Amino acid sequence: MMGFTAEGDELPLPKSTANNTNEISALDLEQCEWDEEKFTTLPKSVQRYFHRAFLFTGEKEQFWEDCIKMIQSVTCFEVGEVLSNGIWLPFEATRYFSATPLHAGFVWDAKIKYPTTFELPYDIPYYVRETYANGGHDRTIKIFGALPIVHTANKTQEEEQAGFRWLAFSPIFPTSLLPRETLGVHWSSSEEFHQKKKKRSVITWPFEKKRNDGSLVLVEYINPEGVSSKAEVRFDSHGLIDNISTIGGGDIWQFHLSDYKNIGQGMLVPTHIQSGRQEHGQFVSHMNIRIQDVKYTFI
């Protein structure tokens, strides 16, 4: 059974991320407020998304009050399949997020079952830990949880892709996208923003485009080291985010978000996520994620 809860338990984030998250809780929340005028300057599709994601019912005062309750950290319990060498492998995983843009980060702990070609009565378990904190990225894969076979750390391309993945999962913690400059979300043109502030972890929503298949906005996340992750965000007919894709050279990676559910915290969040990339003009899925449970802590 799927359940969604809010708890105050400490999450096993990397030390650097956990420390930064604690700093956020000391912020004066009055500094994080905004006014209706600022909200109405957002792209129309983004305004609609926030109204839908936060189950806005028409009472303006209640909307502002609900949105001040910022998510600090998230724990997702996942099951799914990942494509490896043409084989779909089942996995179970726990994914932890630091959910404020100034201290964006995540840890993915997964157990992947790989069928053996030997005459063994069990599959070989691969344990994967991927960490993104303070702009740095690290991935380790171990057989039986003990023998490391892959380790990558702090490559610019990996950092850019990890920043994009944090963005792609942000509809699970949508308060991270609300316009609060003190928490790292800024609304302006990218050019204006970059002239004012550099080397600061922030999210920027530069502008909105209209496409035949719906509205599209561009979003950019800049990590503490100045590495930029840009994405296109598309909305479905209900106003919810259903597609986030990378922008720039190289492979185009996409996340398809669906099966939004009312999680009981005044929010609609996606519980089914498919990630993959464009190959010869077609989307090819590489990972299928079903979120079984979510736990939140709030500032």
C-alpha atoms as a PDB file:
ATOM      1  CA  MET A   1       0.000   0.000   0.000  1.00  0.00           C
ATOM      2  CA  MET A   2       1.257   3.451  -0.836  1.00  0.00           C
ATOM      3  CA  GLY A   3       1.544   5.871   2.062  1.00  0.00           C
ATOM      4  CA  PHE A   4       2.866   9.382   2.442  1.00  0.00           C
ATOM      5  CA  THR A   5       3.957  10.758   5.787  1.00  0.00           C
ATOM      6  CA  ALA A   6       5.707  13.726   7.333  1.00  0.00           C
ATOM      7  CA  GLU A   7       8.285  12.934   9.950  1.00  0.00           C
ATOM      8  CA  GLY A   8      11.104  14.640  11.775  1.00  0.00           C
ATOM      9  CA  ASP A   9      13.640  11.836  11.573  1.00  0.00           C
ATOM     10  CA  GLU A  10      17.156  12.788  10.545  1.00  0.00           C
ATOM     11  CA  LEU A  11      17.952  11.633   7.017  1.00  0.00           C
ATOM     12  CA  PRO A  12      21.259   9.956   6.099  1.00  0.00           C
ATOM     13  CA  LEU A  13      22.396  12.694   3.725  1.00  0.00           C
ATOM     14  CA  PRO A  14      26.110  13.298   3.174  1.00  0.00           C
ATOM     15  CA  LYS A  15      27.624  15.240   6.034  1.00  0.00           C
ATOM     16  CA  SER A  16      28.207  18.361   3.962  1.00  0.00           C
ATOM     17  CA  THR A  17      24.619  18.391   2.722  1.00  0.00           C
ATOM     18  CA  ALA A  18      23.160  17.613   6.133  1.00  0.00           C
ATOM     19  CA  ASN A  19      25.065  20.490   7.719  1.00  0.00           C
ATOM     20  CA  ASN A  20      23.865  22.894   5.071  1.00  0.00           C
ATOM     21  CA  THR A  21      20.298  21.702   5.507  1.00  0.00           C
ATOM     22  CA  ASN A  22      20.487  22.438   9.217  1.00  0.00           C
ATOM     23  CA  GLU A  23      21.574  25.962   8.406  1.00  0.00           C
ATOM     24  CA  ILE A  24      18.362  26.494   6.432  1.00  0.00           C
ATOM     25  CA  SER A  25      16.192  25.659   9.406  1.00  0.00           C
ATOM     26  CA  ALA A  26      17.720  28.629  11.240  1.00  0.00           C
ATOM     27  CA  LEU A  27      16.490  31.071   8.593  1.00  0.00           C
ATOM     28  CA  ASP A  28      13.891  33.622   9.570  1.00  0.00           C
ATOM     29  CA  LEU A  29      10.953  32.365   7.527  1.00  0.00           C
ATOM     30  CA  GLU A  30       9.573  35.894   7.252  1.00  0.00           C
ATOM     31  CA  GLN A  31      12.439  36.546   4.820  1.00  0.00           C
ATOM     32  CA  CYS A  32      11.040  33.808   2.584  1.00  0.00           C
ATOM     33  CA  GLU A  33       7.635  35.361   2.034  1.00  0.00           C
ATOM     34  CA  TRP A  34       6.574  36.930  -1.244  1.00  0.00           C
ATOM     35  CA  ASP A  35       3.591  38.953  -2.352  1.00  0.00           C
ATOM     36  CA  GLU A  36       0.808  38.293  -4.808  1.00  0.00           C
ATOM     37  CA  GLU A  37       2.235  40.808  -7.273  1.00  0.00           C
ATOM     38  CA  LYS A  38       5.437  38.793  -7.596  1.00  0.00           C
ATOM     39  CA  PHE A  39       3.464  35.596  -8.091  1.00  0.00           C
ATOM     40  CA  THR A  40       1.372  37.080 -10.908  1.00  0.00           C
ATOM     41  CA  THR A  41       4.514  37.983 -12.855  1.00  0.00           C
ATOM     42  CA  LEU A  42       5.391  34.297 -13.263  1.00  0.00           C
ATOM     43  CA  PRO A  43       4.726  32.604 -16.608  1.00  0.00           C
ATOM     44  CA  LYS A  44       1.061  31.638 -16.839  1.00  0.00           C
ATOM     45  CA  SER A  45       1.826  27.939 -17.169  1.00  0.00           C
ATOM     46  CA  VAL A  46       3.969  28.074 -14.014  1.00  0.00           C
ATOM     47  CA  GLN A  47       1.252  29.904 -12.068  1.00  0.00           C
ATOM     48  CA  ARG A  48      -1.198  27.217 -13.135  1.00  0.00           C
ATOM     49  CA  TYR A  49       1.210  24.467 -12.107  1.00  0.00           C
ATOM     50  CA  PHE A  50       1.616  25.895  -8.594  1.00  0.00           C
ATOM     51  CA  HIS A  51      -2.150  26.255  -8.200  1.00  0.00           C
ATOM     52  CA  ARG A  52      -2.577  22.599  -9.190  1.00  0.00           C
ATOM     53  CA  ALA A  53       0.399  21.158  -7.317  1.00  0.00           C
ATOM     54  CA  PHE A  54      -0.575  22.899  -4.083  1.00  0.00           C
ATOM     55  CA  LEU A  55      -4.272  22.074  -4.458  1.00  0.00           C
ATOM     56  CA  PHE A  56      -5.199  25.740  -4.554  1.00  0.00           C
ATOM     57  CA  THR A  57      -8.967  26.065  -4.052  1.00  0.00           C
ATOM     58  CA  GLY A  58      -9.426  29.783  -4.632  1.00  0.00           C
ATOM     59  CA  GLU A  59      -8.710  31.200  -1.187  1.00  0.00           C
ATOM     60  CA  LYS A  60      -5.688  33.413  -1.755  1.00  0.00           C
ATOM     61  CA  GLU A  61      -4.790  33.799   1.930  1.00  0.00           C
ATOM     62  CA  GLN A  62      -4.785  30.017   2.440  1.00  0.00           C
ATOM     63  CA  PHE A  63      -2.600  29.530  -0.631  1.00  0.00           C
ATOM     64  CA  TRP A  64       0.108  31.860   0.655  1.00  0.00           C
ATOM     65  CA  GLU A  65      -0.075  30.308   4.130  1.00  0.00           C
ATOM     66  CA  ASP A  66       0.282  26.757   2.787  1.00  0.00           C
ATOM     67  CA  CYS A  67       3.188  27.628   0.504  1.00  0.00           C
ATOM     68  CA  ILE A  68       5.271  29.079   3.342  1.00  0.00           C
ATOM     69  CA  LYS A  69       5.637  25.561   4.744  1.00  0.00           C
ATOM     70  CA  MET A  70       8.864  24.741   2.928  1.00  0.00           C
ATOM     71  CA  ILE A  71      10.060  21.169   2.455  1.00  0.00           C
ATOM     72  CA  GLN A  72      13.546  20.695   3.869  1.00  0.00           C
ATOM     73  CA  SER A  73      14.284  17.066   3.051  1.00  0.00           C
ATOM     74  CA  VAL A  74      12.615  14.100   1.396  1.00  0.00           C
ATOM     75  CA  THR A  75      12.945  10.322   1.578  1.00  0.00           C
ATOM     76  CA  CYS A  76      11.527   8.312  -1.345  1.00  0.00           C
ATOM     77  CA  PHE A  77      11.126   4.548  -1.296  1.00  0.00           C
ATOM     78  CA  GLU A  78      11.257   3.185  -4.827  1.00  0.00           C
ATOM     79  CA  VAL A  79      10.945   0.012  -6.834  1.00  0.00           C
ATOM     80  CA  GLY A  80      11.480  -0.320 -10.547  1.00  0.00           C
ATOM     81  CA  GLU A  81      13.630  -1.558 -13.374  1.00  0.00           C
ATOM     82  CA  VAL A  82      16.819  -0.261 -14.950  1.00  0.00           C
ATOM     83  CA  LEU A  83      18.095  -1.151 -18.429  1.00  0.00           C
ATOM     84  CA  SER A  84      21.616  -2.603 -18.481  1.00  0.00           C
ATOM     85  CA  ASN A  85      23.197  -4.135 -21.580  1.00  0.00           C
ATOM     86  CA  GLY A  86      19.772  -4.721 -23.093  1.00  0.00           C
ATOM     87  CA  ILE A  87      18.392  -6.432 -19.971  1.00  0.00           C
ATOM     88  CA  TRP A  88      15.770  -4.946 -17.634  1.00  0.00           C
ATOM     89  CA  LEU A  89      16.977  -5.446 -14.061  1.00  0.00           C
ATOM     90  CA  PRO A  90      14.674  -5.049 -11.029  1.00  0.00           C
ATOM     91  CA  PHE A  91      15.783  -2.791  -8.191  1.00  0.00           C
ATOM     92  CA  GLU A  92      14.721  -1.518  -4.805  1.00  0.00           C
ATOM     93  CA  ALA A  93      16.024   1.845  -3.679  1.00  0.00           C
ATOM     94  CA  THR A  94      15.821   4.653  -1.185  1.00  0.00           C
ATOM     95  CA  ARG A  95      16.437   8.166  -2.452  1.00  0.00           C
ATOM     96  CA  TYR A  96      17.146  11.076  -0.101  1.00  0.00           C
ATOM     97  CA  PHE A  97      16.911  14.732  -1.146  1.00  0.00           C
ATOM     98  CA  SER A  98      18.008  17.996   0.352  1.00  0.00           C
ATOM     99  CA  ALA A  99      15.075  19.943  -1.063  1.00  0.00           C
ATOM    100  CA  THR A 100      16.125  23.607  -1.001  1.00  0.00           C
ATOM    101  CA  PRO A 101      18.004  24.953  -4.043  1.00  0.00           C
ATOM    102  CA  LEU A 102      20.767  26.680  -2.076  1.00  0.00           C
ATOM    103  CA  HIS A 103      21.754  23.284  -0.659  1.00  0.00           C
ATOM    104  CA  ALA A 104      20.467  20.943  -3.352  1.00  0.00           C
ATOM    105  CA  GLY A 105      21.632  17.368  -3.037  1.00  0.00           C
ATOM    106  CA  PHE A 106      20.604  13.737  -3.084  1.00  0.00           C
ATOM    107  CA  VAL A 107      21.707  10.233  -2.179  1.00  0.00           C
ATOM    108  CA  TRP A 108      20.452   7.193  -4.095  1.00  0.00           C
ATOM    109  CA  ASP A 109      20.951   3.832  -2.393  1.00  0.00           C
ATOM    110  CA  ALA A 110      19.861   0.974  -4.633  1.00  0.00           C
ATOM    111  CA  LYS A 111      20.037  -2.795  -4.708  1.00  0.00           C
ATOM    112  CA  ILE A 112      19.923  -4.142  -8.271  1.00  0.00           C
ATOM    113  CA  LYS A 113      19.450  -7.840  -8.985  1.00  0.00           C
ATOM    114  CA  TYR A 114      21.542  -9.097 -11.883  1.00  0.00           C
ATOM    115  CA  PRO A 115      20.822 -12.588 -13.250  1.00  0.00           C
ATOM    116  CA  THR A 116      23.879 -14.794 -13.164  1.00  0.00           C
ATOM    117  CA  THR A 117      25.103 -16.838 -16.104  1.00  0.00           C
ATOM    118  CA  PHE A 118      26.491 -19.379 -13.680  1.00  0.00           C
ATOM    119  CA  GLU A 119      24.566 -22.227 -12.113  1.00  0.00           C
ATOM    120  CA  LEU A 120      23.782 -20.368  -8.922  1.00  0.00           C
ATOM    121  CA  PRO A 121      20.441 -20.532  -7.070  1.00  0.00           C
ATOM    122  CA  TYR A 122      20.289 -16.742  -6.679  1.00  0.00           C
ATOM    123  CA  ASP A 123      20.845 -13.508  -8.584  1.00  0.00           C
ATOM    124  CA  ILE A 124      23.944 -11.397  -8.019  1.00  0.00           C
ATOM    125  CA  PRO A 125      23.107  -8.252  -6.024  1.00  0.00           C
ATOM    126  CA  TYR A 126      24.744  -5.007  -7.138  1.00  0.00           C
ATOM    127  CA  TYR A 127      24.672  -2.148  -4.644  1.00  0.00           C
ATOM    128  CA  VAL A 128      24.752   1.369  -6.033  1.00  0.00           C
ATOM    129  CA  ARG A 129      25.266   4.584  -4.096  1.00  0.00           C
ATOM    130  CA  GLU A 130      25.097   7.873  -5.967  1.00  0.00           C
ATOM    131  CA  THR A 131      25.715  11.109  -4.075  1.00  0.00           C
ATOM    132  CA  TYR A 132      25.290  14.715  -5.134  1.00  0.00           C
ATOM    133  CA  ALA A 133      26.215  17.368  -2.553  1.00  0.00           C
ATOM    134  CA  ASN A 134      27.664  20.875  -2.681  1.00  0.00           C
ATOM    135  CA  GLY A 135      27.896  20.577  -6.461  1.00  0.00           C
ATOM    136  CA  GLY A 136      30.061  17.438  -6.263  1.00  0.00           C
ATOM    137  CA  HIS A 137      29.032  14.055  -7.634  1.00  0.00           C
ATOM    138  CA  ASP A 138      30.098  10.540  -6.657  1.00  0.00           C
ATOM    139  CA  ARG A 139      28.920   7.103  -7.779  1.00  0.00           C
ATOM    140  CA  THR A 140      30.036   3.719  -6.463  1.00  0.00           C
ATOM    141  CA  ILE A 141      28.856   0.251  -7.552  1.00  0.00           C
ATOM    142  CA  LYS A 142      29.727  -2.814  -5.487  1.00  0.00           C
ATOM    143  CA  ILE A 143      29.041  -6.518  -5.975  1.00  0.00           C
ATOM    144  CA  PHE A 144      27.530  -8.098  -2.855  1.00  0.00           C
ATOM    145  CA  GLY A 145      27.945  -4.700  -1.211  1.00  0.00           C
ATOM    146  CA  ALA A 146      31.672  -5.284  -0.697  1.00  0.00           C
ATOM    147  CA  LEU A 147      33.641  -5.471  -3.971  1.00  0.00           C
ATOM    148  CA  PRO A 148      33.755  -2.087  -5.738  1.00  0.00           C
ATOM    149  CA  ILE A 149      33.694  -2.334  -9.540  1.00  0.00           C
ATOM    150  CA  VAL A 150      32.831   1.265 -10.536  1.00  0.00           C
ATOM    151  CA  HIS A 151      33.702   4.584  -8.941  1.00  0.00           C
ATOM    152  CA  THR A 152      33.339   8.032 -10.501  1.00  0.00           C
ATOM    153  CA  ALA A 153      33.664  11.376  -8.762  1.00  0.00           C
ATOM    154  CA  ASN A 154      33.510  15.100  -9.505  1.00  0.00           C
ATOM    155  CA  LYS A 155      33.517  15.163 -13.290  1.00  0.00           C
ATOM    156  CA  THR A 156      31.926  18.297 -14.743  1.00  0.00           C
ATOM    157  CA  GLN A 157      29.628  16.336 -17.050  1.00  0.00           C
ATOM    158  CA  GLU A 158      28.538  14.073 -14.193  1.00  0.00           C
ATOM    159  CA  GLU A 159      27.889  17.133 -11.995  1.00  0.00           C
ATOM    160  CA  GLU A 160      25.795  18.733 -14.724  1.00  0.00           C
ATOM    161  CA  GLN A 161      23.749  15.559 -15.193  1.00  0.00           C
ATOM    162  CA  ALA A 162      23.305  15.135 -11.429  1.00  0.00           C
ATOM    163  CA  GLY A 163      22.058  18.720 -11.155  1.00  0.00           C
ATOM    164  CA  PHE A 164      19.577  17.969 -13.927  1.00  0.00           C
ATOM    165  CA  ARG A 165      18.352  14.861 -12.084  1.00  0.00           C
ATOM    166  CA  TRP A 166      17.764  16.929  -8.945  1.00  0.00           C
ATOM    167  CA  LEU A 167      15.693  19.318 -11.080  1.00  0.00           C
ATOM    168  CA  ALA A 168      13.818  16.433 -12.691  1.00  0.00           C
ATOM    169  CA  PHE A 169      12.747  15.062  -9.300  1.00  0.00           C
ATOM    170  CA  SER A 170      11.843  18.489  -7.865  1.00  0.00           C
ATOM    171  CA  PRO A 171       8.072  18.091  -8.584  1.00  0.00           C
ATOM    172  CA  ILE A 172       8.158  15.571  -5.704  1.00  0.00           C
ATOM    173  CA  PHE A 173       9.141  18.504  -3.469  1.00  0.00           C
ATOM    174  CA  PRO A 174       7.529  21.414  -5.355  1.00  0.00           C
ATOM    175  CA  THR A 175       8.211  24.083  -2.723  1.00  0.00           C
ATOM    176  CA  SER A 176      11.787  24.050  -4.078  1.00  0.00           C
ATOM    177  CA  LEU A 177      10.474  25.739  -7.240  1.00  0.00           C
ATOM    178  CA  LEU A 178       8.541  28.558  -5.565  1.00  0.00           C
ATOM    179  CA  PRO A 179       9.993  32.069  -6.091  1.00  0.00           C
ATOM    180  CA  ARG A 180      11.994  32.825  -2.945  1.00  0.00           C
ATOM    181  CA  GLU A 181      15.270  34.573  -3.597  1.00  0.00           C
ATOM    182  CA  THR A 182      16.545  33.967  -0.049  1.00  0.00           C
ATOM    183  CA  LEU A 183      16.258  30.226  -0.705  1.00  0.00           C
ATOM    184  CA  GLY A 184      17.761  30.378  -4.176  1.00  0.00           C
ATOM    185  CA  VAL A 185      14.849  30.656  -6.637  1.00  0.00           C
ATOM    186  CA  HIS A 186      14.989  33.740  -8.825  1.00  0.00           C
ATOM    187  CA  TRP A 187      12.729  34.888 -11.653  1.00  0.00           C
ATOM    188  CA  SER A 188      14.267  37.028 -14.387  1.00  0.00           C
ATOM    189  CA  SER A 189      16.083  36.660 -17.657  1.00  0.00           C
ATOM    190  CA  SER A 190      19.156  34.453 -17.402  1.00  0.00           C
ATOM    191  CA  GLU A 191      21.371  37.273 -18.680  1.00  0.00           C
ATOM    192  CA  GLU A 192      20.209  39.694 -15.987  1.00  0.00           C
ATOM    193  CA  PHE A 193      20.625  37.099 -13.279  1.00  0.00           C
ATOM    194  CA  HIS A 194      24.118  36.007 -14.261  1.00  0.00           C
ATOM    195  CA  GLN A 195      25.317  39.589 -14.296  1.00  0.00           C
ATOM    196  CA  LYS A 196      24.268  40.004 -10.677  1.00  0.00           C
ATOM    197  CA  LYS A 197      25.107  36.702  -9.006  1.00  0.00           C
ATOM    198  CA  LYS A 198      27.597  34.018  -9.852  1.00  0.00           C
ATOM    199  CA  LYS A 199      28.927  30.965  -8.053  1.00  0.00           C
ATOM    200  CA  ARG A 200      25.689  30.640  -6.102  1.00  0.00           C
ATOM    201  CA  SER A 201      23.386  27.675  -6.105  1.00  0.00           C
ATOM    202  CA  VAL A 202      20.111  28.894  -7.573  1.00  0.00           C
ATOM    203  CA  ILE A 203      17.196  28.066  -9.828  1.00  0.00           C
ATOM    204  CA  THR A 204      16.199  30.514 -12.552  1.00  0.00           C
ATOM    205  CA  TRP A 205      13.008  30.407 -14.621  1.00  0.00           C
ATOM    206  CA  PRO A 206      13.944  32.677 -17.547  1.00  0.00           C
ATOM    207  CA  PHE A 207      10.890  32.685 -19.803  1.00  0.00           C
ATOM    208  CA  GLU A 208       7.985  30.789 -21.315  1.00  0.00           C
ATOM    209  CA  LYS A 209       7.415  29.498 -24.836  1.00  0.00           C
ATOM    210  CA  LYS A 210       4.227  28.412 -26.509  1.00  0.00           C
ATOM    211  CA  ARG A 211       4.341  25.202 -28.505  1.00  0.00           C
ATOM    212  CA  ASN A 212       1.674  23.410 -30.484  1.00  0.00           C
ATOM    213  CA  ASP A 213       1.768  20.593 -27.921  1.00  0.00           C
ATOM    214  CA  GLY A 214       1.448  22.922 -24.924  1.00  0.00           C
ATOM    215  CA  SER A 215       3.403  25.409 -22.871  1.00  0.00           C
ATOM    216  CA  LEU A 216       7.094  25.070 -22.256  1.00  0.00           C
ATOM    217  CA  VAL A 217       9.361  26.930 -19.856  1.00  0.00           C
ATOM    218  CA  LEU A 218      13.111  26.885 -19.487  1.00  0.00           C
ATOM    219  CA  VAL A 219      14.685  26.345 -16.087  1.00  0.00           C
ATOM    220  CA  GLU A 220      18.326  26.534 -15.048  1.00  0.00           C
ATOM    221  CA  TYR A 221      20.049  25.299 -11.909  1.00  0.00           C
ATOM    222  CA  ILE A 222      23.549  26.556 -11.027  1.00  0.00           C
ATOM    223  CA  ASN A 223      25.431  24.530  -8.430  1.00  0.00           C
ATOM    224  CA  PRO A 224      27.859  26.066  -5.874  1.00  0.00           C
ATOM    225  CA  GLU A 225      30.774  25.487  -8.268  1.00  0.00           C
ATOM    226  CA  GLY A 226      29.046  27.422 -11.047  1.00  0.00           C
ATOM    227  CA  VAL A 227      28.165  24.334 -13.129  1.00  0.00           C
ATOM    228  CA  SER A 228      24.902  24.977 -14.965  1.00  0.00           C
ATOM    229  CA  SER A 229      22.142  22.422 -15.637  1.00  0.00           C
ATOM    230  CA  LYS A 230      19.478  23.625 -18.082  1.00  0.00           C
ATOM    231  CA  ALA A 231      16.164  21.927 -18.776  1.00  0.00           C
ATOM    232  CA  GLU A 232      12.941  22.283 -20.720  1.00  0.00           C
ATOM    233  CA  VAL A 233       9.810  21.817 -18.636  1.00  0.00           C
ATOM    234  CA  ARG A 234       6.503  20.853 -20.261  1.00  0.00           C
ATOM    235  CA  PHE A 235       3.037  20.730 -18.747  1.00  0.00           C
ATOM    236  CA  ASP A 236       0.116  18.392 -19.410  1.00  0.00           C
ATOM    237  CA  SER A 237      -3.482  19.393 -20.092  1.00  0.00           C
ATOM    238  CA  HIS A 238      -4.153  19.537 -16.338  1.00  0.00           C
ATOM    239  CA  GLY A 239      -1.319  22.010 -15.751  1.00  0.00           C
ATOM    240  CA  LEU A 240       1.040  19.533 -14.075  1.00  0.00           C
ATOM    241  CA  ILE A 241       4.659  18.947 -15.108  1.00  0.00           C
ATOM    242  CA  ASP A 242       4.822  15.837 -17.279  1.00  0.00           C
ATOM    243  CA  ASN A 243       8.183  16.142 -19.065  1.00  0.00           C
ATOM    244  CA  ILE A 244      11.589  17.541 -18.151  1.00  0.00           C
ATOM    245  CA  SER A 245      14.428  17.258 -20.660  1.00  0.00           C
ATOM    246  CA  THR A 246      18.019  18.422 -20.934  1.00  0.00           C
ATOM    247  CA  ILE A 247      19.138  21.280 -23.158  1.00  0.00           C
ATOM    248  CA  GLY A 248      22.468  21.536 -24.904  1.00  0.00           C
ATOM    249  CA  GLY A 249      24.901  19.355 -26.778  1.00  0.00           C
ATOM    250  CA  GLY A 250      25.230  15.615 -26.475  1.00  0.00           C
ATOM    251  CA  ASP A 251      22.488  13.190 -25.567  1.00  0.00           C
ATOM    252  CA  ILE A 252      19.044  14.572 -24.739  1.00  0.00           C
ATOM    253  CA  TRP A 253      17.821  12.989 -21.509  1.00  0.00           C
ATOM    254  CA  GLN A 254      14.170  13.109 -20.534  1.00  0.00           C
ATOM    255  CA  PHE A 255      12.085  12.402 -17.460  1.00  0.00           C
ATOM    256  CA  HIS A 256       8.387  11.587 -17.928  1.00  0.00           C
ATOM    257  CA  LEU A 257       6.351  12.241 -14.762  1.00  0.00           C
ATOM    258  CA  SER A 258       2.871  10.800 -14.250  1.00  0.00           C
ATOM    259  CA  ASP A 259       0.383   9.257 -11.837  1.00  0.00           C
ATOM    260  CA  TYR A 260       0.145  12.367  -9.648  1.00  0.00           C
ATOM    261  CA  LYS A 261      -1.356  11.689  -6.235  1.00  0.00           C
ATOM    262  CA  ASN A 262      -2.632  13.775  -3.347  1.00  0.00           C
ATOM    263  CA  ILE A 263      -0.083  12.883  -0.710  1.00  0.00           C
ATOM    264  CA  GLY A 264      -1.979  14.357   2.203  1.00  0.00           C
ATOM    265  CA  GLN A 265       0.393  17.279   2.696  1.00  0.00           C
ATOM    266  CA  GLY A 266      -1.574  19.693   0.529  1.00  0.00           C
ATOM    267  CA  MET A 267       0.372  18.683  -2.581  1.00  0.00           C
ATOM    268  CA  LEU A 268       0.024  16.666  -5.763  1.00  0.00           C
ATOM    269  CA  VAL A 269       3.262  14.873  -6.636  1.00  0.00           C
ATOM    270  CA  PRO A 270       4.229  12.339  -9.345  1.00  0.00           C
ATOM    271  CA  THR A 271       4.586   8.722  -8.258  1.00  0.00           C
ATOM    272  CA  HIS A 272       5.659   7.203 -11.597  1.00  0.00           C
ATOM    273  CA  ILE A 273       8.809   8.410 -13.347  1.00  0.00           C
ATOM    274  CA  GLN A 274      10.405   7.125 -16.533  1.00  0.00           C
ATOM    275  CA  SER A 275      13.834   8.355 -17.523  1.00  0.00           C
ATOM    276  CA  GLY A 276      15.593   7.825 -20.811  1.00  0.00           C
ATOM    277  CA  ARG A 277      17.018   9.618 -23.805  1.00  0.00           C
ATOM    278  CA  GLN A 278      16.252  10.502 -27.382  1.00  0.00           C
ATOM    279  CA  GLU A 279      17.638   7.974 -29.852  1.00  0.00           C
ATOM    280  CA  HIS A 280      17.014   8.572 -33.569  1.00  0.00           C
ATOM    281  CA  GLY A 281      14.180  10.928 -32.701  1.00  0.00           C
ATOM    282  CA  GLN A 282      12.423   8.452 -30.388  1.00  0.00           C
ATOM    283  CA  PHE A 283      12.283   8.325 -26.592  1.00  0.00           C
ATOM    284  CA  VAL A 284      13.963   5.157 -25.291  1.00  0.00           C
ATOM    285  CA  SER A 285      13.336   4.401 -21.621  1.00  0.00           C
ATOM    286  CA  HIS A 286      16.346   3.434 -19.485  1.00  0.00           C
ATOM    287  CA  MET A 287      14.743   3.433 -16.042  1.00  0.00           C
ATOM    288  CA  ASN A 288      11.232   2.916 -14.725  1.00  0.00           C
ATOM    289  CA  ILE A 289      10.600   4.192 -11.176  1.00  0.00           C
ATOM    290  CA  ARG A 290       7.524   3.652  -9.028  1.00  0.00           C
ATOM    291  CA  ILE A 291       7.468   5.584  -5.778  1.00  0.00           C
ATOM    292  CA  GLN A 292       5.976   3.490  -2.983  1.00  0.00           C
ATOM    293  CA  ASP A 293       6.245   5.916  -0.095  1.00  0.00           C
ATOM    294  CA  VAL A 294       7.478   9.434   0.616  1.00  0.00           C
ATOM    295  CA  LYS A 295       8.504  11.012   3.908  1.00  0.00           C
ATOM    296  CA  TYR A 296       9.031  14.739   4.382  1.00  0.00           C
ATOM    297  CA  THR A 297      10.629  17.048   6.898  1.00  0.00           C
ATOM    298  CA  PHE A 298       9.679  20.721   6.846  1.00  0.00           C
ATOM    299  CA  ILE A 299      11.512  23.911   7.730  1.00  0.00           C
END
